[in-house]
Amino acid sequence: MPSNRRRTSGQPSARKRRPSAQEWEQHKDFIAHLYTNEGKKLKEVRQIMKDLYEFEAGESTYKKHLSKWNVFKNTRRPTRNDETSTPQPIDNSVQGDE
């Protein structure tokens, strides 16, 4: 049966507090570096941040911040060939001999 006792200030909280906006900004470059430059999976980035900085946030929260920062992985960038291989419009006009 669950206890109805309130937690006193000396007891640790069962739930961690969410990182503040300032904390996200403080770790932004490192998180982006781990995710893109080092190719870490999001799960690995979360674990590294937890181990090094006790920075804990859910996967969806990480995704939200990465998207907000325009940090993406596995995106296809157009190459020079892509630019030149763009189909040109076909001129279907009929030109008669005059």
C-alpha atoms as a PDB file:
ATOM      1  CA  MET A   1       0.000   0.000   0.000  1.00  0.00           C
ATOM      2  CA  PRO A   2       1.452   3.400  -0.935  1.00  0.00           C
ATOM      3  CA  SER A   3       2.505   5.725   1.798  1.00  0.00           C
ATOM      4  CA  ASN A   4       0.766   9.097   2.076  1.00  0.00           C
ATOM      5  CA  ARG A   5       3.691  10.663   3.872  1.00  0.00           C
ATOM      6  CA  ARG A   6       5.158  13.799   2.369  1.00  0.00           C
ATOM      7  CA  ARG A   7       8.782  13.966   1.422  1.00  0.00           C
ATOM      8  CA  THR A   8      10.911  16.047   3.763  1.00  0.00           C
ATOM      9  CA  SER A   9      13.714  18.235   2.481  1.00  0.00           C
ATOM     10  CA  GLY A  10      16.321  15.677   3.551  1.00  0.00           C
ATOM     11  CA  GLN A  11      14.966  12.906   1.320  1.00  0.00           C
ATOM     12  CA  PRO A  12      16.104  12.644  -2.269  1.00  0.00           C
ATOM     13  CA  SER A  13      13.502  13.158  -4.950  1.00  0.00           C
ATOM     14  CA  ALA A  14      12.525  10.103  -6.943  1.00  0.00           C
ATOM     15  CA  ARG A  15      12.199  12.305 -10.023  1.00  0.00           C
ATOM     16  CA  LYS A  16      14.965  14.458 -11.441  1.00  0.00           C
ATOM     17  CA  ARG A  17      14.300  18.061 -12.377  1.00  0.00           C
ATOM     18  CA  ARG A  18      14.279  19.038 -16.024  1.00  0.00           C
ATOM     19  CA  PRO A  19      17.276  20.939 -17.425  1.00  0.00           C
ATOM     20  CA  SER A  20      16.657  24.651 -17.769  1.00  0.00           C
ATOM     21  CA  ALA A  21      16.833  26.536 -21.076  1.00  0.00           C
ATOM     22  CA  GLN A  22      20.140  27.990 -19.886  1.00  0.00           C
ATOM     23  CA  GLU A  23      21.541  24.483 -19.272  1.00  0.00           C
ATOM     24  CA  TRP A  24      20.479  23.375 -22.757  1.00  0.00           C
ATOM     25  CA  GLU A  25      22.278  26.364 -24.269  1.00  0.00           C
ATOM     26  CA  GLN A  26      25.343  25.708 -22.125  1.00  0.00           C
ATOM     27  CA  HIS A  27      25.637  22.150 -23.502  1.00  0.00           C
ATOM     28  CA  LYS A  28      24.354  22.836 -27.031  1.00  0.00           C
ATOM     29  CA  ASP A  29      27.713  22.675 -28.834  1.00  0.00           C
ATOM     30  CA  PHE A  30      28.831  19.518 -27.045  1.00  0.00           C
ATOM     31  CA  ILE A  31      25.526  17.723 -27.665  1.00  0.00           C
ATOM     32  CA  ALA A  32      25.619  18.704 -31.355  1.00  0.00           C
ATOM     33  CA  HIS A  33      29.261  17.592 -31.617  1.00  0.00           C
ATOM     34  CA  LEU A  34      28.550  14.178 -30.097  1.00  0.00           C
ATOM     35  CA  TYR A  35      25.519  13.643 -32.284  1.00  0.00           C
ATOM     36  CA  THR A  36      26.835  14.825 -35.650  1.00  0.00           C
ATOM     37  CA  ASN A  37      30.647  14.880 -35.619  1.00  0.00           C
ATOM     38  CA  GLU A  38      31.164  11.747 -33.543  1.00  0.00           C
ATOM     39  CA  GLY A  39      28.139   9.971 -35.007  1.00  0.00           C
ATOM     40  CA  LYS A  40      26.769   8.975 -31.614  1.00  0.00           C
ATOM     41  CA  LYS A  41      23.233   7.660 -31.421  1.00  0.00           C
ATOM     42  CA  LEU A  42      20.807   9.742 -29.422  1.00  0.00           C
ATOM     43  CA  LYS A  43      20.733   7.056 -26.735  1.00  0.00           C
ATOM     44  CA  GLU A  44      24.528   7.316 -26.412  1.00  0.00           C
ATOM     45  CA  VAL A  45      24.438  11.127 -26.282  1.00  0.00           C
ATOM     46  CA  ARG A  46      21.857  10.980 -23.489  1.00  0.00           C
ATOM     47  CA  GLN A  47      23.986   8.532 -21.491  1.00  0.00           C
ATOM     48  CA  ILE A  48      27.166  10.598 -21.930  1.00  0.00           C
ATOM     49  CA  MET A  49      25.367  13.757 -20.786  1.00  0.00           C
ATOM     50  CA  LYS A  50      23.928  11.910 -17.799  1.00  0.00           C
ATOM     51  CA  ASP A  51      27.309  10.441 -16.802  1.00  0.00           C
ATOM     52  CA  LEU A  52      29.377  13.599 -17.283  1.00  0.00           C
ATOM     53  CA  TYR A  53      26.971  16.338 -16.232  1.00  0.00           C
ATOM     54  CA  GLU A  54      23.999  14.644 -14.519  1.00  0.00           C
ATOM     55  CA  PHE A  55      22.022  16.185 -17.387  1.00  0.00           C
ATOM     56  CA  GLU A  56      18.902  14.095 -17.870  1.00  0.00           C
ATOM     57  CA  ALA A  57      16.180  14.645 -20.430  1.00  0.00           C
ATOM     58  CA  GLY A  58      13.896  12.422 -22.465  1.00  0.00           C
ATOM     59  CA  GLU A  59      14.533  11.382 -26.045  1.00  0.00           C
ATOM     60  CA  SER A  60      11.726  13.532 -27.402  1.00  0.00           C
ATOM     61  CA  THR A  61      13.122  16.572 -25.569  1.00  0.00           C
ATOM     62  CA  TYR A  62      16.540  15.985 -27.123  1.00  0.00           C
ATOM     63  CA  LYS A  63      14.920  15.662 -30.564  1.00  0.00           C
ATOM     64  CA  LYS A  64      13.012  18.904 -30.013  1.00  0.00           C
ATOM     65  CA  HIS A  65      16.187  20.813 -29.111  1.00  0.00           C
ATOM     66  CA  LEU A  66      18.273  19.297 -31.930  1.00  0.00           C
ATOM     67  CA  SER A  67      15.576  20.283 -34.403  1.00  0.00           C
ATOM     68  CA  LYS A  68      15.356  23.792 -32.920  1.00  0.00           C
ATOM     69  CA  TRP A  69      19.131  24.133 -33.316  1.00  0.00           C
ATOM     70  CA  ASN A  70      18.973  22.795 -36.904  1.00  0.00           C
ATOM     71  CA  VAL A  71      21.210  19.880 -35.944  1.00  0.00           C
ATOM     72  CA  PHE A  72      20.433  16.894 -38.115  1.00  0.00           C
ATOM     73  CA  LYS A  73      22.149  13.661 -38.977  1.00  0.00           C
ATOM     74  CA  ASN A  74      21.844  11.546 -42.127  1.00  0.00           C
ATOM     75  CA  THR A  75      20.562  14.342 -44.300  1.00  0.00           C
ATOM     76  CA  ARG A  76      21.297  14.213 -47.992  1.00  0.00           C
ATOM     77  CA  ARG A  77      23.039  17.294 -49.302  1.00  0.00           C
ATOM     78  CA  PRO A  78      22.748  18.127 -52.968  1.00  0.00           C
ATOM     79  CA  THR A  79      25.896  17.376 -54.924  1.00  0.00           C
ATOM     80  CA  ARG A  80      27.182  19.075 -58.047  1.00  0.00           C
ATOM     81  CA  ASN A  81      25.695  16.273 -60.155  1.00  0.00           C
ATOM     82  CA  ASP A  82      22.288  16.803 -58.565  1.00  0.00           C
ATOM     83  CA  GLU A  83      22.314  20.421 -59.631  1.00  0.00           C
ATOM     84  CA  THR A  84      23.234  19.677 -63.254  1.00  0.00           C
ATOM     85  CA  SER A  85      20.963  16.683 -63.633  1.00  0.00           C
ATOM     86  CA  THR A  86      17.805  18.661 -62.989  1.00  0.00           C
ATOM     87  CA  PRO A  87      15.433  17.867 -65.830  1.00  0.00           C
ATOM     88  CA  GLN A  88      14.981  20.727 -68.249  1.00  0.00           C
ATOM     89  CA  PRO A  89      11.526  21.628 -69.507  1.00  0.00           C
ATOM     90  CA  ILE A  90      10.703  20.122 -72.870  1.00  0.00           C
ATOM     91  CA  ASP A  91       9.681  22.467 -75.653  1.00  0.00           C
ATOM     92  CA  ASN A  92       6.705  20.760 -77.241  1.00  0.00           C
ATOM     93  CA  SER A  93       5.879  23.604 -79.590  1.00  0.00           C
ATOM     94  CA  VAL A  94       5.660  22.590 -83.201  1.00  0.00           C
ATOM     95  CA  GLN A  95       7.685  24.664 -85.596  1.00  0.00           C
ATOM     96  CA  GLY A  96       6.545  24.424 -89.174  1.00  0.00           C
ATOM     97  CA  ASP A  97       8.557  25.095 -92.301  1.00  0.00           C
ATOM     98  CA  GLU A  98       7.724  28.540 -93.565  1.00  0.00           C
END
